[in-house]
């Protein structure tokens, strides 16, 4: 997955795999979270919103199956 750097105090970059529907979020503390079955429209919105942290907290966190780990 190709990560797209974003402007955020918490989130460093975001990646999405269309085939699997996996959204991957890399944080500035170098931790990585993966979420399964995320619709592509959610990923596109995530890239567009001004506050990535608020979007993450309100739309993604706790709403999709979360997998912790480092995918590098």
PDB file of N, CA and C in Angstrom:
ATOM      1  N   UNK A   1       0.836  -1.182   0.000  1.00  0.00           N
ATOM      2  CA  UNK A   1       0.000   0.000   0.000  1.00  0.00           C
ATOM      3  C   UNK A   1       0.875   1.238   0.000  1.00  0.00           C
ATOM      4  N   UNK A   2       0.479   2.202  -0.768  1.00  0.00           N
ATOM      5  CA  UNK A   2       1.186   3.477  -0.797  1.00  0.00           C
ATOM      6  C   UNK A   2       0.595   4.408   0.251  1.00  0.00           C
ATOM      7  N   UNK A   3       1.445   4.888   1.136  1.00  0.00           N
ATOM      8  CA  UNK A   3       0.996   5.814   2.177  1.00  0.00           C
ATOM      9  C   UNK A   3       1.026   7.240   1.655  1.00  0.00           C
ATOM     10  N   UNK A   4      -0.013   7.986   2.018  1.00  0.00           N
ATOM     11  CA  UNK A   4      -0.115   9.394   1.656  1.00  0.00           C
ATOM     12  C   UNK A   4       0.109  10.220   2.920  1.00  0.00           C
ATOM     13  N   UNK A   5       1.182  11.006   2.969  1.00  0.00           N
ATOM     14  CA  UNK A   5       1.413  11.863   4.130  1.00  0.00           C
ATOM     15  C   UNK A   5       0.259  12.856   4.285  1.00  0.00           C
ATOM     16  N   UNK A   6      -0.129  13.130   5.533  1.00  0.00           N
ATOM     17  CA  UNK A   6      -1.213  14.072   5.796  1.00  0.00           C
ATOM     18  C   UNK A   6      -0.776  15.081   6.844  1.00  0.00           C
ATOM     19  N   UNK A   7      -1.450  16.234   6.856  1.00  0.00           N
ATOM     20  CA  UNK A   7      -1.185  17.257   7.861  1.00  0.00           C
ATOM     21  C   UNK A   7      -2.067  16.974   9.062  1.00  0.00           C
ATOM     22  N   UNK A   8      -1.441  16.546  10.137  1.00  0.00           N
ATOM     23  CA  UNK A   8      -2.166  16.215  11.360  1.00  0.00           C
ATOM     24  C   UNK A   8      -1.171  16.150  12.507  1.00  0.00           C
ATOM     25  N   UNK A   9      -1.621  16.548  13.681  1.00  0.00           N
ATOM     26  CA  UNK A   9      -0.735  16.464  14.843  1.00  0.00           C
ATOM     27  C   UNK A   9      -0.604  15.028  15.353  1.00  0.00           C
ATOM     28  N   UNK A  10      -1.547  14.154  14.987  1.00  0.00           N
ATOM     29  CA  UNK A  10      -1.531  12.758  15.448  1.00  0.00           C
ATOM     30  C   UNK A  10      -1.193  11.762  14.353  1.00  0.00           C
ATOM     31  N   UNK A  11      -1.677  12.014  13.155  1.00  0.00           N
ATOM     32  CA  UNK A  11      -1.586  11.043  12.069  1.00  0.00           C
ATOM     33  C   UNK A  11      -0.514  11.462  11.068  1.00  0.00           C
ATOM     34  N   UNK A  12       0.387  10.545  10.752  1.00  0.00           N
ATOM     35  CA  UNK A  12       1.479  10.833   9.818  1.00  0.00           C
ATOM     36  C   UNK A  12       1.088  10.545   8.374  1.00  0.00           C
ATOM     37  N   UNK A  13       0.425   9.389   8.155  1.00  0.00           N
ATOM     38  CA  UNK A  13       0.062   9.011   6.792  1.00  0.00           C
ATOM     39  C   UNK A  13      -1.098   8.022   6.791  1.00  0.00           C
ATOM     40  N   UNK A  14      -1.725   7.919   5.613  1.00  0.00           N
ATOM     41  CA  UNK A  14      -2.888   7.052   5.426  1.00  0.00           C
ATOM     42  C   UNK A  14      -2.692   6.259   4.142  1.00  0.00           C
ATOM     43  N   UNK A  15      -3.076   4.985   4.175  1.00  0.00           N
ATOM     44  CA  UNK A  15      -3.021   4.146   2.975  1.00  0.00           C
ATOM     45  C   UNK A  15      -4.307   3.333   2.891  1.00  0.00           C
ATOM     46  N   UNK A  16      -4.650   2.916   1.665  1.00  0.00           N
ATOM     47  CA  UNK A  16      -5.876   2.141   1.464  1.00  0.00           C
ATOM     48  C   UNK A  16      -5.656   1.112   0.373  1.00  0.00           C
ATOM     49  N   UNK A  17      -6.140  -0.096   0.630  1.00  0.00           N
ATOM     50  CA  UNK A  17      -6.078  -1.156  -0.369  1.00  0.00           C
ATOM     51  C   UNK A  17      -7.497  -1.428  -0.867  1.00  0.00           C
ATOM     52  N   UNK A  18      -7.756  -1.062  -2.122  1.00  0.00           N
ATOM     53  CA  UNK A  18      -9.098  -1.209  -2.690  1.00  0.00           C
ATOM     54  C   UNK A  18      -9.552  -2.661  -2.739  1.00  0.00           C
ATOM     55  N   UNK A  19      -8.650  -3.566  -3.061  1.00  0.00           N
ATOM     56  CA  UNK A  19      -9.010  -4.980  -3.212  1.00  0.00           C
ATOM     57  C   UNK A  19      -9.501  -5.597  -1.902  1.00  0.00           C
ATOM     58  N   UNK A  20      -8.854  -5.250  -0.796  1.00  0.00           N
ATOM     59  CA  UNK A  20      -9.212  -5.847   0.493  1.00  0.00           C
ATOM     60  C   UNK A  20     -10.074  -4.941   1.365  1.00  0.00           C
ATOM     61  N   UNK A  21     -10.132  -3.648   1.033  1.00  0.00           N
ATOM     62  CA  UNK A  21     -10.880  -2.704   1.858  1.00  0.00           C
ATOM     63  C   UNK A  21     -10.184  -2.382   3.166  1.00  0.00           C
ATOM     64  N   UNK A  22      -8.854  -2.563   3.185  1.00  0.00           N
ATOM     65  CA  UNK A  22      -8.095  -2.273   4.404  1.00  0.00           C
ATOM     66  C   UNK A  22      -7.577  -0.838   4.373  1.00  0.00           C
ATOM     67  N   UNK A  23      -7.876  -0.122   5.449  1.00  0.00           N
ATOM     68  CA  UNK A  23      -7.377   1.230   5.654  1.00  0.00           C
ATOM     69  C   UNK A  23      -6.262   1.137   6.681  1.00  0.00           C
ATOM     70  N   UNK A  24      -5.115   1.703   6.353  1.00  0.00           N
ATOM     71  CA  UNK A  24      -3.963   1.665   7.255  1.00  0.00           C
ATOM     72  C   UNK A  24      -3.612   3.090   7.650  1.00  0.00           C
ATOM     73  N   UNK A  25      -3.458   3.298   8.942  1.00  0.00           N
ATOM     74  CA  UNK A  25      -3.153   4.628   9.476  1.00  0.00           C
ATOM     75  C   UNK A  25      -1.854   4.545  10.260  1.00  0.00           C
ATOM     76  N   UNK A  26      -0.906   5.384   9.896  1.00  0.00           N
ATOM     77  CA  UNK A  26       0.375   5.440  10.608  1.00  0.00           C
ATOM     78  C   UNK A  26       0.395   6.738  11.417  1.00  0.00           C
ATOM     79  N   UNK A  27       0.694   6.609  12.689  1.00  0.00           N
ATOM     80  CA  UNK A  27       0.701   7.750  13.594  1.00  0.00           C
ATOM     81  C   UNK A  27       2.118   8.286  13.772  1.00  0.00           C
ATOM     82  N   UNK A  28       2.218   9.497  14.301  1.00  0.00           N
ATOM     83  CA  UNK A  28       3.532  10.109  14.503  1.00  0.00           C
ATOM     84  C   UNK A  28       4.380   9.360  15.528  1.00  0.00           C
ATOM     85  N   UNK A  29       3.750   8.579  16.410  1.00  0.00           N
ATOM     86  CA  UNK A  29       4.530   7.792  17.380  1.00  0.00           C
ATOM     87  C   UNK A  29       5.028   6.486  16.761  1.00  0.00           C
ATOM     88  N   UNK A  30       4.848   6.357  15.443  1.00  0.00           N
ATOM     89  CA  UNK A  30       5.295   5.217  14.638  1.00  0.00           C
ATOM     90  C   UNK A  30       4.438   3.960  14.817  1.00  0.00           C
ATOM     91  N   UNK A  31       3.325   4.076  15.530  1.00  0.00           N
ATOM     92  CA  UNK A  31       2.402   2.939  15.602  1.00  0.00           C
ATOM     93  C   UNK A  31       1.540   2.932  14.340  1.00  0.00           C
ATOM     94  N   UNK A  32       1.041   1.759  14.001  1.00  0.00           N
ATOM     95  CA  UNK A  32       0.214   1.593  12.812  1.00  0.00           C
ATOM     96  C   UNK A  32      -1.049   0.834  13.184  1.00  0.00           C
ATOM     97  N   UNK A  33      -2.176   1.325  12.709  1.00  0.00           N
ATOM     98  CA  UNK A  33      -3.444   0.631  12.897  1.00  0.00           C
ATOM     99  C   UNK A  33      -4.017   0.310  11.531  1.00  0.00           C
ATOM    100  N   UNK A  34      -4.635  -0.869  11.436  1.00  0.00           N
ATOM    101  CA  UNK A  34      -5.298  -1.278  10.193  1.00  0.00           C
ATOM    102  C   UNK A  34      -6.762  -1.544  10.509  1.00  0.00           C
ATOM    103  N   UNK A  35      -7.605  -1.156   9.594  1.00  0.00           N
ATOM    104  CA  UNK A  35      -9.043  -1.366   9.741  1.00  0.00           C
ATOM    105  C   UNK A  35      -9.558  -2.100   8.521  1.00  0.00           C
ATOM    106  N   UNK A  36     -10.383  -3.126   8.771  1.00  0.00           N
ATOM    107  CA  UNK A  36     -10.911  -3.960   7.696  1.00  0.00           C
ATOM    108  C   UNK A  36     -12.284  -3.482   7.236  1.00  0.00           C
ATOM    109  N   UNK A  37     -12.596  -3.810   5.981  1.00  0.00           N
ATOM    110  CA  UNK A  37     -13.910  -3.563   5.378  1.00  0.00           C
ATOM    111  C   UNK A  37     -14.318  -2.093   5.420  1.00  0.00           C
ATOM    112  N   UNK A  38     -13.357  -1.222   5.173  1.00  0.00           N
ATOM    113  CA  UNK A  38     -13.626   0.210   5.131  1.00  0.00           C
ATOM    114  C   UNK A  38     -14.014   0.576   3.698  1.00  0.00           C
ATOM    115  N   UNK A  39     -15.175   1.194   3.505  1.00  0.00           N
ATOM    116  CA  UNK A  39     -15.563   1.604   2.152  1.00  0.00           C
ATOM    117  C   UNK A  39     -14.596   2.650   1.590  1.00  0.00           C
ATOM    118  N   UNK A  40     -14.383   2.598   0.296  1.00  0.00           N
ATOM    119  CA  UNK A  40     -13.465   3.541  -0.340  1.00  0.00           C
ATOM    120  C   UNK A  40     -13.893   4.985  -0.114  1.00  0.00           C
ATOM    121  N   UNK A  41     -15.189   5.247  -0.046  1.00  0.00           N
ATOM    122  CA  UNK A  41     -15.673   6.625   0.162  1.00  0.00           C
ATOM    123  C   UNK A  41     -15.199   7.183   1.511  1.00  0.00           C
ATOM    124  N   UNK A  42     -15.072   6.306   2.520  1.00  0.00           N
ATOM    125  CA  UNK A  42     -14.569   6.741   3.828  1.00  0.00           C
ATOM    126  C   UNK A  42     -13.107   7.154   3.705  1.00  0.00           C
ATOM    127  N   UNK A  43     -12.334   6.371   2.984  1.00  0.00           N
ATOM    128  CA  UNK A  43     -10.923   6.701   2.751  1.00  0.00           C
ATOM    129  C   UNK A  43     -10.796   8.041   2.033  1.00  0.00           C
ATOM    130  N   UNK A  44     -11.584   8.239   0.981  1.00  0.00           N
ATOM    131  CA  UNK A  44     -11.532   9.492   0.207  1.00  0.00           C
ATOM    132  C   UNK A  44     -11.899  10.692   1.086  1.00  0.00           C
ATOM    133  N   UNK A  45     -12.932  10.527   1.899  1.00  0.00           N
ATOM    134  CA  UNK A  45     -13.322  11.604   2.815  1.00  0.00           C
ATOM    135  C   UNK A  45     -12.214  11.900   3.817  1.00  0.00           C
ATOM    136  N   UNK A  46     -11.590  10.850   4.324  1.00  0.00           N
ATOM    137  CA  UNK A  46     -10.499  10.983   5.290  1.00  0.00           C
ATOM    138  C   UNK A  46      -9.382  11.853   4.716  1.00  0.00           C
ATOM    139  N   UNK A  47      -9.051  11.637   3.461  1.00  0.00           N
ATOM    140  CA  UNK A  47      -8.007  12.433   2.817  1.00  0.00           C
ATOM    141  C   UNK A  47      -8.406  13.901   2.681  1.00  0.00           C
ATOM    142  N   UNK A  48      -9.701  14.173   2.553  1.00  0.00           N
ATOM    143  CA  UNK A  48     -10.178  15.527   2.273  1.00  0.00           C
ATOM    144  C   UNK A  48     -10.452  16.384   3.504  1.00  0.00           C
ATOM    145  N   UNK A  49     -10.832  15.761   4.611  1.00  0.00           N
ATOM    146  CA  UNK A  49     -11.223  16.552   5.780  1.00  0.00           C
ATOM    147  C   UNK A  49     -10.039  17.315   6.364  1.00  0.00           C
ATOM    148  N   UNK A  50     -10.348  18.439   6.989  1.00  0.00           N
ATOM    149  CA  UNK A  50      -9.304  19.269   7.584  1.00  0.00           C
ATOM    150  C   UNK A  50      -8.756  18.621   8.854  1.00  0.00           C
ATOM    151  N   UNK A  51      -9.651  18.160   9.728  1.00  0.00           N
ATOM    152  CA  UNK A  51      -9.215  17.557  10.989  1.00  0.00           C
ATOM    153  C   UNK A  51      -9.197  16.035  10.885  1.00  0.00           C
ATOM    154  N   UNK A  52      -8.031  15.504  10.597  1.00  0.00           N
ATOM    155  CA  UNK A  52      -7.876  14.052  10.466  1.00  0.00           C
ATOM    156  C   UNK A  52      -8.141  13.341  11.797  1.00  0.00           C
ATOM    157  N   UNK A  53      -7.689  13.928  12.900  1.00  0.00           N
ATOM    158  CA  UNK A  53      -7.885  13.323  14.213  1.00  0.00           C
ATOM    159  C   UNK A  53      -9.350  13.213  14.585  1.00  0.00           C
ATOM    160  N   UNK A  54     -10.112  14.263  14.351  1.00  0.00           N
ATOM    161  CA  UNK A  54     -11.547  14.230  14.653  1.00  0.00           C
ATOM    162  C   UNK A  54     -12.273  13.228  13.772  1.00  0.00           C
ATOM    163  N   UNK A  55     -11.906  13.178  12.502  1.00  0.00           N
ATOM    164  CA  UNK A  55     -12.529  12.220  11.581  1.00  0.00           C
ATOM    165  C   UNK A  55     -12.217  10.797  12.035  1.00  0.00           C
ATOM    166  N   UNK A  56     -10.970  10.563  12.380  1.00  0.00           N
ATOM    167  CA  UNK A  56     -10.564   9.240  12.863  1.00  0.00           C
ATOM    168  C   UNK A  56     -11.378   8.850  14.102  1.00  0.00           C
ATOM    169  N   UNK A  57     -11.447   9.756  15.079  1.00  0.00           N
ATOM    170  CA  UNK A  57     -12.165   9.467  16.323  1.00  0.00           C
ATOM    171  C   UNK A  57     -13.664   9.267  16.107  1.00  0.00           C
ATOM    172  N   UNK A  58     -14.257  10.048  15.216  1.00  0.00           N
ATOM    173  CA  UNK A  58     -15.702  10.015  15.046  1.00  0.00           C
ATOM    174  C   UNK A  58     -16.238   9.044  14.018  1.00  0.00           C
ATOM    175  N   UNK A  59     -15.421   8.719  13.014  1.00  0.00           N
ATOM    176  CA  UNK A  59     -15.924   7.918  11.892  1.00  0.00           C
ATOM    177  C   UNK A  59     -15.264   6.543  11.791  1.00  0.00           C
ATOM    178  N   UNK A  60     -14.021   6.428  12.200  1.00  0.00           N
ATOM    179  CA  UNK A  60     -13.278   5.176  11.989  1.00  0.00           C
ATOM    180  C   UNK A  60     -13.081   4.379  13.279  1.00  0.00           C
ATOM    181  N   UNK A  61     -12.518   5.001  14.286  1.00  0.00           N
ATOM    182  CA  UNK A  61     -12.198   4.310  15.540  1.00  0.00           C
ATOM    183  C   UNK A  61     -13.464   3.725  16.173  1.00  0.00           C
ATOM    184  N   UNK A  62     -13.427   2.416  16.423  1.00  0.00           N
ATOM    185  CA  UNK A  62     -14.556   1.749  17.047  1.00  0.00           C
ATOM    186  C   UNK A  62     -15.690   1.378  16.104  1.00  0.00           C
ATOM    187  N   UNK A  63     -15.572   1.782  14.834  1.00  0.00           N
ATOM    188  CA  UNK A  63     -16.630   1.494  13.857  1.00  0.00           C
ATOM    189  C   UNK A  63     -16.266   0.346  12.916  1.00  0.00           C
ATOM    190  N   UNK A  64     -14.969   0.091  12.787  1.00  0.00           N
ATOM    191  CA  UNK A  64     -14.481  -0.960  11.896  1.00  0.00           C
ATOM    192  C   UNK A  64     -13.574  -1.903  12.687  1.00  0.00           C
ATOM    193  N   UNK A  65     -13.418  -3.123  12.197  1.00  0.00           N
ATOM    194  CA  UNK A  65     -12.550  -4.099  12.851  1.00  0.00           C
ATOM    195  C   UNK A  65     -11.109  -3.606  12.805  1.00  0.00           C
ATOM    196  N   UNK A  66     -10.478  -3.531  13.962  1.00  0.00           N
ATOM    197  CA  UNK A  66      -9.132  -2.973  14.095  1.00  0.00           C
ATOM    198  C   UNK A  66      -8.088  -4.066  14.265  1.00  0.00           C
ATOM    199  N   UNK A  67      -6.999  -3.926  13.528  1.00  0.00           N
ATOM    200  CA  UNK A  67      -5.858  -4.827  13.646  1.00  0.00           C
ATOM    201  C   UNK A  67      -4.635  -3.997  13.993  1.00  0.00           C
ATOM    202  N   UNK A  68      -4.006  -4.259  15.119  1.00  0.00           N
ATOM    203  CA  UNK A  68      -2.795  -3.525  15.499  1.00  0.00           C
ATOM    204  C   UNK A  68      -1.572  -4.223  14.923  1.00  0.00           C
ATOM    205  N   UNK A  69      -0.564  -3.427  14.630  1.00  0.00           N
ATOM    206  CA  UNK A  69       0.667  -4.030  14.150  1.00  0.00           C
ATOM    207  C   UNK A  69       1.458  -3.082  13.296  1.00  0.00           C
ATOM    208  N   UNK A  70       2.632  -3.507  12.966  1.00  0.00           N
ATOM    209  CA  UNK A  70       3.513  -2.714  12.128  1.00  0.00           C
ATOM    210  C   UNK A  70       3.640  -3.428  10.800  1.00  0.00           C
ATOM    211  N   UNK A  71       3.204  -2.785   9.730  1.00  0.00           N
ATOM    212  CA  UNK A  71       3.174  -3.438   8.419  1.00  0.00           C
ATOM    213  C   UNK A  71       4.385  -3.120   7.563  1.00  0.00           C
ATOM    214  N   UNK A  72       5.368  -2.448   8.106  1.00  0.00           N
ATOM    215  CA  UNK A  72       6.537  -2.057   7.306  1.00  0.00           C
ATOM    216  C   UNK A  72       7.368  -3.235   6.922  1.00  0.00           C
TER     217      UNK A  72
END
